[in-house]
Amino acid sequence: MHGIKVICQNRKARHDYFILDEYEAGIVLLGTEVKSLRLGRANLKDSYAKVRGAEVFLYNMHIAAYPFAAYGNHDPLRPRKLLLHKQEIKRLVGKVTEKGQALIPLQIYFKEGKAKVTLALAKGKRKHDKRDTIRKREEKRELDRARRTSGSKSLRPGECQERFDNLMNVGYFYI
């Protein structure tokens, strides 16, 4: 009956990287870390995963100290072991050794009471790739705006098609 409760997301990852593949992994956590996660006190900014030996670890993931712990609180930035099958780890080792690919966490969530992380095999975007993504998003918004307004009575027949043709003639529109 337990669903998925998203704790935090790494929104910047989709802006900075091309997401090639996604994996779901469990996280080895201490008690105070789980309690702090349930309060939603985590941050994935600048975090990454690395394969060490036959294990995968998550670095720079910040889980705030649990405020109600009297003693034995955890280190907020400690490396955390991820739980993956051996075949998945072997596949990741082969792919991560390729130039420019990294393991980036996309989100942390609770699934049926267990803490999970979505790992992405990602390739870094260059500056011009980011500009292309922004430009395409803006063009899509413009098209959607033109389609929305075409349903109103204020436009004359064919005006929506004219707007679409004008956008297509700019020369840098890709579908």
N, C-alpha and C. Protein backbone atom coordinates (compact mmCIF):
# COMPACT_ATOMS: atom_id res chain seq x y z
N MET A 1 0.82 -1.19 0.00
CA MET A 1 0.00 0.00 0.00
C MET A 1 0.87 1.26 0.00
N HIS A 2 2.16 1.08 0.29
CA HIS A 2 3.06 2.23 0.26
C HIS A 2 3.32 2.62 -1.19
N GLY A 3 3.31 3.90 -1.45
CA GLY A 3 3.60 4.40 -2.79
C GLY A 3 5.02 4.93 -2.84
N ILE A 4 5.23 5.82 -3.76
CA ILE A 4 6.54 6.44 -3.91
C ILE A 4 6.46 7.87 -3.37
N LYS A 5 7.35 8.19 -2.44
CA LYS A 5 7.41 9.53 -1.87
C LYS A 5 8.77 10.13 -2.25
N VAL A 6 8.75 11.10 -3.15
CA VAL A 6 9.99 11.73 -3.61
C VAL A 6 10.50 12.69 -2.53
N ILE A 7 11.77 12.53 -2.18
CA ILE A 7 12.39 13.37 -1.15
C ILE A 7 13.03 14.60 -1.78
N CYS A 8 13.90 14.39 -2.77
CA CYS A 8 14.51 15.52 -3.47
C CYS A 8 14.91 15.10 -4.87
N GLN A 9 15.04 16.10 -5.74
CA GLN A 9 15.42 15.87 -7.13
C GLN A 9 16.61 16.74 -7.49
N ASN A 10 17.39 16.25 -8.45
CA ASN A 10 18.53 16.99 -8.97
C ASN A 10 18.10 17.61 -10.30
N ARG A 11 17.45 18.77 -10.24
CA ARG A 11 16.92 19.40 -11.45
C ARG A 11 18.02 19.87 -12.39
N LYS A 12 19.13 20.27 -11.83
CA LYS A 12 20.24 20.78 -12.63
C LYS A 12 20.86 19.69 -13.50
N ALA A 13 20.70 18.43 -13.11
CA ALA A 13 21.32 17.33 -13.85
C ALA A 13 20.80 17.25 -15.27
N ARG A 14 19.50 17.43 -15.46
CA ARG A 14 18.94 17.35 -16.81
C ARG A 14 19.36 18.54 -17.67
N HIS A 15 19.76 19.62 -17.03
CA HIS A 15 20.24 20.79 -17.77
C HIS A 15 21.71 20.62 -18.15
N ASP A 16 22.50 20.01 -17.28
CA ASP A 16 23.94 19.91 -17.50
C ASP A 16 24.38 18.63 -18.20
N TYR A 17 23.50 17.62 -18.30
CA TYR A 17 23.90 16.32 -18.84
C TYR A 17 22.85 15.79 -19.82
N PHE A 18 23.33 14.97 -20.77
CA PHE A 18 22.44 14.13 -21.58
C PHE A 18 22.25 12.85 -20.78
N ILE A 19 21.01 12.48 -20.49
CA ILE A 19 20.73 11.27 -19.72
C ILE A 19 20.67 10.10 -20.71
N LEU A 20 21.61 9.16 -20.56
CA LEU A 20 21.69 8.03 -21.47
C LEU A 20 20.91 6.82 -20.96
N ASP A 21 20.97 6.57 -19.65
CA ASP A 21 20.32 5.41 -19.06
C ASP A 21 20.04 5.69 -17.59
N GLU A 22 19.04 5.03 -17.03
CA GLU A 22 18.69 5.24 -15.62
C GLU A 22 18.67 3.91 -14.88
N TYR A 23 19.11 3.93 -13.63
CA TYR A 23 19.13 2.75 -12.78
C TYR A 23 18.52 3.10 -11.43
N GLU A 24 17.87 2.13 -10.81
CA GLU A 24 17.34 2.31 -9.46
C GLU A 24 18.24 1.54 -8.51
N ALA A 25 18.67 2.21 -7.43
CA ALA A 25 19.56 1.56 -6.46
C ALA A 25 19.08 1.87 -5.06
N GLY A 26 19.31 0.91 -4.16
CA GLY A 26 19.05 1.13 -2.75
C GLY A 26 20.23 1.87 -2.14
N ILE A 27 20.02 2.47 -0.97
CA ILE A 27 21.10 3.21 -0.30
C ILE A 27 21.29 2.62 1.09
N VAL A 28 22.54 2.43 1.50
CA VAL A 28 22.84 2.00 2.86
C VAL A 28 22.91 3.25 3.72
N LEU A 29 21.99 3.36 4.69
CA LEU A 29 21.88 4.56 5.51
C LEU A 29 21.91 4.22 6.99
N LEU A 30 22.27 5.20 7.80
CA LEU A 30 22.18 5.08 9.25
C LEU A 30 20.78 5.51 9.69
N GLY A 31 20.43 5.21 10.92
CA GLY A 31 19.09 5.52 11.43
C GLY A 31 18.76 6.99 11.39
N THR A 32 19.70 7.84 11.80
CA THR A 32 19.43 9.28 11.81
C THR A 32 19.32 9.83 10.39
N GLU A 33 20.01 9.19 9.43
CA GLU A 33 19.90 9.62 8.04
C GLU A 33 18.50 9.32 7.49
N VAL A 34 17.96 8.16 7.83
CA VAL A 34 16.62 7.81 7.37
C VAL A 34 15.60 8.78 7.94
N LYS A 35 15.73 9.09 9.23
CA LYS A 35 14.78 10.00 9.88
C LYS A 35 14.87 11.39 9.27
N SER A 36 16.09 11.83 8.97
CA SER A 36 16.28 13.13 8.36
C SER A 36 15.70 13.15 6.94
N LEU A 37 15.87 12.05 6.20
CA LEU A 37 15.29 11.95 4.85
C LEU A 37 13.77 12.01 4.91
N ARG A 38 13.18 11.37 5.89
CA ARG A 38 11.72 11.40 6.03
C ARG A 38 11.22 12.82 6.28
N LEU A 39 12.07 13.66 6.86
CA LEU A 39 11.72 15.07 7.04
C LEU A 39 11.98 15.88 5.77
N GLY A 40 12.58 15.25 4.74
CA GLY A 40 12.84 15.92 3.47
C GLY A 40 14.08 16.79 3.49
N ARG A 41 15.04 16.46 4.33
CA ARG A 41 16.23 17.30 4.50
C ARG A 41 17.43 16.69 3.78
N ALA A 42 17.40 16.72 2.46
CA ALA A 42 18.49 16.18 1.65
C ALA A 42 18.73 17.09 0.45
N ASN A 43 19.94 17.01 -0.11
CA ASN A 43 20.30 17.84 -1.25
C ASN A 43 21.23 17.04 -2.17
N LEU A 44 20.91 16.99 -3.45
CA LEU A 44 21.71 16.24 -4.43
C LEU A 44 22.62 17.13 -5.26
N LYS A 45 22.67 18.41 -4.98
CA LYS A 45 23.48 19.32 -5.78
C LYS A 45 24.96 18.91 -5.71
N ASP A 46 25.61 18.85 -6.86
CA ASP A 46 27.02 18.49 -7.00
C ASP A 46 27.34 17.07 -6.53
N SER A 47 26.36 16.21 -6.42
CA SER A 47 26.64 14.84 -6.00
C SER A 47 26.89 13.96 -7.23
N TYR A 48 27.61 12.88 -7.02
CA TYR A 48 27.95 11.96 -8.10
C TYR A 48 28.21 10.58 -7.49
N ALA A 49 28.22 9.56 -8.33
CA ALA A 49 28.50 8.19 -7.89
C ALA A 49 29.75 7.70 -8.59
N LYS A 50 30.49 6.85 -7.89
CA LYS A 50 31.71 6.27 -8.44
C LYS A 50 31.74 4.79 -8.13
N VAL A 51 32.33 4.01 -9.04
CA VAL A 51 32.51 2.59 -8.81
C VAL A 51 33.90 2.40 -8.20
N ARG A 52 33.93 1.79 -7.00
CA ARG A 52 35.19 1.47 -6.34
C ARG A 52 35.22 -0.03 -6.12
N GLY A 53 36.12 -0.71 -6.82
CA GLY A 53 36.17 -2.16 -6.72
C GLY A 53 34.91 -2.75 -7.34
N ALA A 54 34.18 -3.52 -6.54
CA ALA A 54 32.93 -4.11 -7.02
C ALA A 54 31.73 -3.45 -6.35
N GLU A 55 31.91 -2.21 -5.88
CA GLU A 55 30.85 -1.50 -5.17
C GLU A 55 30.69 -0.10 -5.76
N VAL A 56 29.49 0.46 -5.58
CA VAL A 56 29.20 1.80 -6.06
C VAL A 56 28.92 2.68 -4.85
N PHE A 57 29.55 3.86 -4.81
CA PHE A 57 29.37 4.79 -3.69
C PHE A 57 28.86 6.13 -4.22
N LEU A 58 28.06 6.78 -3.40
CA LEU A 58 27.50 8.10 -3.71
C LEU A 58 28.24 9.14 -2.89
N TYR A 59 28.79 10.15 -3.57
CA TYR A 59 29.58 11.19 -2.91
C TYR A 59 28.87 12.54 -2.97
N ASN A 60 29.16 13.39 -1.99
CA ASN A 60 28.67 14.78 -1.91
C ASN A 60 27.15 14.89 -1.82
N MET A 61 26.47 13.84 -1.45
CA MET A 61 25.04 13.96 -1.19
C MET A 61 24.88 14.43 0.25
N HIS A 62 24.20 15.54 0.42
CA HIS A 62 24.06 16.15 1.75
C HIS A 62 22.73 15.72 2.37
N ILE A 63 22.83 15.02 3.50
CA ILE A 63 21.65 14.71 4.32
C ILE A 63 21.88 15.44 5.64
N ALA A 64 21.03 16.40 5.94
CA ALA A 64 21.19 17.24 7.14
C ALA A 64 21.13 16.39 8.40
N ALA A 65 21.80 16.85 9.43
CA ALA A 65 21.78 16.16 10.71
C ALA A 65 20.35 16.13 11.25
N TYR A 66 19.99 15.02 11.89
CA TYR A 66 18.65 14.88 12.44
C TYR A 66 18.54 15.76 13.68
N PRO A 67 17.60 16.70 13.70
CA PRO A 67 17.56 17.69 14.80
C PRO A 67 17.19 17.12 16.16
N PHE A 68 16.54 15.95 16.21
CA PHE A 68 16.07 15.41 17.48
C PHE A 68 16.98 14.31 18.04
N ALA A 69 18.14 14.10 17.42
CA ALA A 69 19.08 13.08 17.90
C ALA A 69 19.89 13.65 19.06
N ALA A 70 19.88 12.97 20.18
CA ALA A 70 20.62 13.42 21.34
C ALA A 70 22.12 13.18 21.15
N TYR A 71 22.48 12.07 20.56
CA TYR A 71 23.89 11.74 20.31
C TYR A 71 23.95 10.82 19.09
N GLY A 72 25.14 10.60 18.59
CA GLY A 72 25.32 9.66 17.49
C GLY A 72 24.78 10.14 16.15
N ASN A 73 24.78 11.45 15.93
CA ASN A 73 24.32 11.95 14.64
C ASN A 73 25.35 11.63 13.57
N HIS A 74 24.95 11.66 12.32
CA HIS A 74 25.80 11.25 11.20
C HIS A 74 26.54 12.45 10.60
N ASP A 75 27.58 12.14 9.82
CA ASP A 75 28.28 13.15 9.04
C ASP A 75 27.44 13.44 7.79
N PRO A 76 27.04 14.70 7.56
CA PRO A 76 26.11 15.00 6.45
C PRO A 76 26.64 14.66 5.06
N LEU A 77 27.95 14.70 4.84
CA LEU A 77 28.50 14.48 3.49
C LEU A 77 29.24 13.16 3.34
N ARG A 78 29.05 12.22 4.23
CA ARG A 78 29.81 10.96 4.15
C ARG A 78 29.44 10.18 2.88
N PRO A 79 30.39 9.41 2.33
CA PRO A 79 30.08 8.57 1.16
C PRO A 79 29.08 7.49 1.56
N ARG A 80 28.11 7.22 0.70
CA ARG A 80 27.08 6.23 1.00
C ARG A 80 27.10 5.13 -0.05
N LYS A 81 27.07 3.89 0.43
CA LYS A 81 27.13 2.74 -0.47
C LYS A 81 25.77 2.55 -1.13
N LEU A 82 25.80 2.24 -2.43
CA LEU A 82 24.58 1.97 -3.19
C LEU A 82 24.46 0.47 -3.43
N LEU A 83 23.23 -0.01 -3.42
CA LEU A 83 22.96 -1.43 -3.58
C LEU A 83 22.46 -1.71 -4.99
N LEU A 84 23.31 -2.37 -5.77
CA LEU A 84 22.98 -2.76 -7.15
C LEU A 84 23.35 -4.22 -7.35
N HIS A 85 22.77 -4.87 -8.35
CA HIS A 85 23.14 -6.23 -8.69
C HIS A 85 24.53 -6.24 -9.33
N LYS A 86 25.23 -7.36 -9.22
CA LYS A 86 26.58 -7.47 -9.77
C LYS A 86 26.61 -7.20 -11.28
N GLN A 87 25.59 -7.71 -11.98
CA GLN A 87 25.55 -7.52 -13.44
C GLN A 87 25.41 -6.04 -13.77
N GLU A 88 24.61 -5.31 -12.99
CA GLU A 88 24.45 -3.87 -13.22
C GLU A 88 25.76 -3.14 -12.96
N ILE A 89 26.47 -3.53 -11.91
CA ILE A 89 27.75 -2.87 -11.59
C ILE A 89 28.76 -3.13 -12.70
N LYS A 90 28.84 -4.37 -13.20
CA LYS A 90 29.76 -4.68 -14.29
C LYS A 90 29.45 -3.86 -15.54
N ARG A 91 28.15 -3.72 -15.84
CA ARG A 91 27.73 -2.93 -17.00
C ARG A 91 28.12 -1.47 -16.81
N LEU A 92 27.92 -0.97 -15.58
CA LEU A 92 28.28 0.42 -15.30
C LEU A 92 29.77 0.66 -15.41
N VAL A 93 30.59 -0.28 -14.94
CA VAL A 93 32.05 -0.13 -15.03
C VAL A 93 32.46 0.04 -16.47
N GLY A 94 31.91 -0.77 -17.37
CA GLY A 94 32.24 -0.67 -18.79
C GLY A 94 31.83 0.66 -19.39
N LYS A 95 30.67 1.15 -18.99
CA LYS A 95 30.16 2.39 -19.59
C LYS A 95 30.81 3.63 -19.00
N VAL A 96 31.12 3.62 -17.71
CA VAL A 96 31.69 4.80 -17.06
C VAL A 96 33.13 5.03 -17.49
N THR A 97 33.82 3.96 -17.88
CA THR A 97 35.21 4.14 -18.31
C THR A 97 35.30 4.86 -19.65
N GLU A 98 34.19 4.91 -20.41
CA GLU A 98 34.19 5.69 -21.65
C GLU A 98 34.35 7.16 -21.31
N LYS A 99 34.98 7.89 -22.21
CA LYS A 99 35.27 9.30 -21.96
C LYS A 99 34.00 10.14 -21.85
N GLY A 100 33.93 10.95 -20.83
CA GLY A 100 32.85 11.91 -20.70
C GLY A 100 31.57 11.39 -20.10
N GLN A 101 31.55 10.14 -19.59
CA GLN A 101 30.33 9.61 -18.98
C GLN A 101 30.48 9.53 -17.47
N ALA A 102 29.39 9.82 -16.77
CA ALA A 102 29.42 9.84 -15.31
C ALA A 102 28.12 9.28 -14.76
N LEU A 103 28.15 8.94 -13.48
CA LEU A 103 26.95 8.49 -12.78
C LEU A 103 26.45 9.64 -11.92
N ILE A 104 25.25 10.11 -12.22
CA ILE A 104 24.68 11.27 -11.54
C ILE A 104 23.35 10.85 -10.90
N PRO A 105 23.15 11.14 -9.61
CA PRO A 105 21.85 10.84 -9.00
C PRO A 105 20.79 11.86 -9.44
N LEU A 106 19.63 11.37 -9.84
CA LEU A 106 18.55 12.25 -10.29
C LEU A 106 17.55 12.56 -9.19
N GLN A 107 17.23 11.55 -8.38
CA GLN A 107 16.28 11.79 -7.30
C GLN A 107 16.43 10.74 -6.20
N ILE A 108 16.01 11.12 -5.00
CA ILE A 108 15.95 10.20 -3.87
C ILE A 108 14.48 10.08 -3.49
N TYR A 109 14.06 8.87 -3.20
CA TYR A 109 12.66 8.66 -2.85
C TYR A 109 12.53 7.43 -1.97
N PHE A 110 11.38 7.31 -1.32
CA PHE A 110 11.03 6.12 -0.56
C PHE A 110 10.06 5.31 -1.38
N LYS A 111 10.38 4.03 -1.57
CA LYS A 111 9.52 3.12 -2.31
C LYS A 111 9.24 1.93 -1.40
N GLU A 112 8.00 1.78 -1.01
CA GLU A 112 7.59 0.73 -0.08
C GLU A 112 8.42 0.76 1.20
N GLY A 113 8.69 1.96 1.69
CA GLY A 113 9.42 2.12 2.94
C GLY A 113 10.93 2.06 2.84
N LYS A 114 11.47 1.78 1.68
CA LYS A 114 12.92 1.68 1.49
C LYS A 114 13.43 2.91 0.75
N ALA A 115 14.58 3.42 1.18
CA ALA A 115 15.18 4.58 0.52
C ALA A 115 15.85 4.13 -0.77
N LYS A 116 15.52 4.80 -1.86
CA LYS A 116 16.08 4.47 -3.18
C LYS A 116 16.62 5.74 -3.83
N VAL A 117 17.53 5.54 -4.78
CA VAL A 117 18.06 6.65 -5.56
C VAL A 117 18.00 6.25 -7.04
N THR A 118 17.63 7.19 -7.89
CA THR A 118 17.66 6.96 -9.33
C THR A 118 18.98 7.50 -9.85
N LEU A 119 19.81 6.60 -10.34
CA LEU A 119 21.12 6.97 -10.90
C LEU A 119 21.00 7.08 -12.41
N ALA A 120 21.64 8.07 -12.97
CA ALA A 120 21.63 8.24 -14.42
C ALA A 120 23.04 8.09 -14.95
N LEU A 121 23.17 7.32 -16.00
CA LEU A 121 24.41 7.29 -16.76
C LEU A 121 24.31 8.49 -17.69
N ALA A 122 25.19 9.46 -17.51
CA ALA A 122 25.03 10.74 -18.20
C ALA A 122 26.31 11.16 -18.89
N LYS A 123 26.13 11.95 -19.93
CA LYS A 123 27.26 12.54 -20.65
C LYS A 123 27.12 14.05 -20.56
N GLY A 124 28.19 14.72 -20.22
CA GLY A 124 28.15 16.16 -20.01
C GLY A 124 27.82 16.95 -21.26
N LYS A 125 27.00 17.98 -21.10
CA LYS A 125 26.67 18.87 -22.21
C LYS A 125 27.71 19.97 -22.29
N ARG A 126 27.99 20.38 -23.50
CA ARG A 126 28.84 21.55 -23.70
C ARG A 126 27.95 22.79 -23.73
N LYS A 127 28.57 23.95 -23.75
CA LYS A 127 27.80 25.19 -23.69
C LYS A 127 26.84 25.32 -24.86
N HIS A 128 27.29 24.96 -26.07
CA HIS A 128 26.41 25.10 -27.23
C HIS A 128 25.25 24.10 -27.17
N ASP A 129 25.45 22.93 -26.54
CA ASP A 129 24.36 21.97 -26.37
C ASP A 129 23.28 22.54 -25.46
N LYS A 130 23.71 23.22 -24.40
CA LYS A 130 22.76 23.83 -23.47
C LYS A 130 21.96 24.92 -24.18
N ARG A 131 22.66 25.69 -25.02
CA ARG A 131 21.97 26.75 -25.77
C ARG A 131 20.94 26.15 -26.73
N ASP A 132 21.31 25.05 -27.40
CA ASP A 132 20.38 24.38 -28.30
C ASP A 132 19.14 23.91 -27.56
N THR A 133 19.35 23.33 -26.37
CA THR A 133 18.22 22.85 -25.57
C THR A 133 17.30 24.00 -25.19
N ILE A 134 17.86 25.11 -24.78
CA ILE A 134 17.05 26.28 -24.39
C ILE A 134 16.30 26.83 -25.60
N ARG A 135 16.99 26.91 -26.75
CA ARG A 135 16.37 27.44 -27.96
C ARG A 135 15.20 26.55 -28.40
N LYS A 136 15.39 25.22 -28.37
CA LYS A 136 14.31 24.31 -28.75
C LYS A 136 13.12 24.43 -27.81
N ARG A 137 13.39 24.60 -26.52
CA ARG A 137 12.31 24.74 -25.55
C ARG A 137 11.52 26.01 -25.81
N GLU A 138 12.24 27.10 -26.11
CA GLU A 138 11.56 28.37 -26.41
C GLU A 138 10.71 28.26 -27.68
N GLU A 139 11.24 27.58 -28.71
CA GLU A 139 10.50 27.42 -29.95
C GLU A 139 9.25 26.57 -29.73
N LYS A 140 9.37 25.54 -28.90
CA LYS A 140 8.21 24.70 -28.59
C LYS A 140 7.15 25.51 -27.86
N ARG A 141 7.56 26.36 -26.94
CA ARG A 141 6.60 27.23 -26.23
C ARG A 141 5.90 28.16 -27.21
N GLU A 142 6.67 28.71 -28.14
CA GLU A 142 6.10 29.63 -29.13
C GLU A 142 5.07 28.90 -30.00
N LEU A 143 5.39 27.68 -30.41
CA LEU A 143 4.44 26.89 -31.20
C LEU A 143 3.18 26.58 -30.40
N ASP A 144 3.37 26.17 -29.14
CA ASP A 144 2.21 25.86 -28.30
C ASP A 144 1.35 27.10 -28.10
N ARG A 145 2.00 28.24 -27.93
CA ARG A 145 1.27 29.50 -27.77
C ARG A 145 0.47 29.82 -29.03
N ALA A 146 1.08 29.58 -30.20
CA ALA A 146 0.39 29.83 -31.46
C ALA A 146 -0.79 28.88 -31.64
N ARG A 147 -0.61 27.62 -31.23
CA ARG A 147 -1.70 26.66 -31.33
C ARG A 147 -2.85 27.02 -30.40
N ARG A 148 -2.51 27.46 -29.19
CA ARG A 148 -3.53 27.83 -28.21
C ARG A 148 -4.37 29.00 -28.69
N THR A 149 -3.69 30.01 -29.24
CA THR A 149 -4.42 31.20 -29.68
C THR A 149 -5.18 30.95 -30.98
N SER A 150 -4.82 29.91 -31.72
CA SER A 150 -5.51 29.65 -32.98
C SER A 150 -6.93 29.17 -32.74
N GLY A 151 -7.22 28.64 -31.57
CA GLY A 151 -8.57 28.18 -31.26
C GLY A 151 -9.52 29.33 -30.97
N SER A 152 -9.01 30.53 -30.72
CA SER A 152 -9.89 31.66 -30.41
C SER A 152 -10.44 32.26 -31.70
N LYS A 153 -11.48 33.05 -31.58
CA LYS A 153 -12.15 33.66 -32.74
C LYS A 153 -11.38 34.86 -33.30
N SER A 154 -10.42 35.38 -32.52
CA SER A 154 -9.77 36.62 -32.93
C SER A 154 -8.83 36.42 -34.13
N LEU A 155 -8.35 35.21 -34.36
CA LEU A 155 -7.45 34.97 -35.49
C LEU A 155 -8.24 34.75 -36.77
N ARG A 156 -7.73 35.26 -37.85
CA ARG A 156 -8.37 35.01 -39.13
C ARG A 156 -7.95 33.62 -39.61
N PRO A 157 -8.70 33.00 -40.49
CA PRO A 157 -8.39 31.65 -40.96
C PRO A 157 -7.00 31.59 -41.59
N GLY A 158 -6.23 30.58 -41.21
CA GLY A 158 -4.90 30.40 -41.77
C GLY A 158 -3.81 31.15 -41.05
N GLU A 159 -4.15 31.99 -40.08
CA GLU A 159 -3.13 32.79 -39.39
C GLU A 159 -2.20 31.91 -38.55
N CYS A 160 -2.76 30.87 -37.94
CA CYS A 160 -1.93 29.95 -37.16
C CYS A 160 -0.91 29.28 -38.07
N GLN A 161 -1.34 28.87 -39.25
CA GLN A 161 -0.42 28.25 -40.20
C GLN A 161 0.65 29.24 -40.63
N GLU A 162 0.29 30.51 -40.79
CA GLU A 162 1.27 31.54 -41.15
C GLU A 162 2.32 31.68 -40.05
N ARG A 163 1.88 31.70 -38.80
CA ARG A 163 2.83 31.80 -37.68
C ARG A 163 3.76 30.60 -37.67
N PHE A 164 3.20 29.42 -37.90
CA PHE A 164 4.00 28.21 -37.93
C PHE A 164 5.02 28.28 -39.06
N ASP A 165 4.59 28.72 -40.25
CA ASP A 165 5.50 28.83 -41.39
C ASP A 165 6.60 29.85 -41.11
N ASN A 166 6.25 30.94 -40.44
CA ASN A 166 7.26 31.95 -40.09
C ASN A 166 8.31 31.36 -39.16
N LEU A 167 7.87 30.58 -38.19
CA LEU A 167 8.83 29.94 -37.28
C LEU A 167 9.72 28.96 -38.02
N MET A 168 9.13 28.23 -38.98
CA MET A 168 9.91 27.24 -39.73
C MET A 168 10.93 27.92 -40.64
N ASN A 169 10.63 29.13 -41.13
CA ASN A 169 11.52 29.82 -42.05
C ASN A 169 12.69 30.50 -41.36
N VAL A 170 12.70 30.52 -40.03
CA VAL A 170 13.81 31.15 -39.33
C VAL A 170 15.10 30.42 -39.64
N GLY A 171 15.03 29.12 -39.88
CA GLY A 171 16.21 28.39 -40.32
C GLY A 171 16.87 27.55 -39.26
N TYR A 172 16.47 27.69 -37.99
CA TYR A 172 17.12 26.86 -36.97
C TYR A 172 16.11 26.08 -36.16
N PHE A 173 14.98 25.78 -36.73
CA PHE A 173 13.95 25.03 -36.05
C PHE A 173 14.09 23.55 -36.42
N TYR A 174 14.16 22.70 -35.41
CA TYR A 174 14.31 21.25 -35.65
C TYR A 174 13.12 20.52 -35.05
N ILE A 175 12.60 19.58 -35.77
CA ILE A 175 11.50 18.76 -35.23
C ILE A 175 12.00 17.36 -35.03
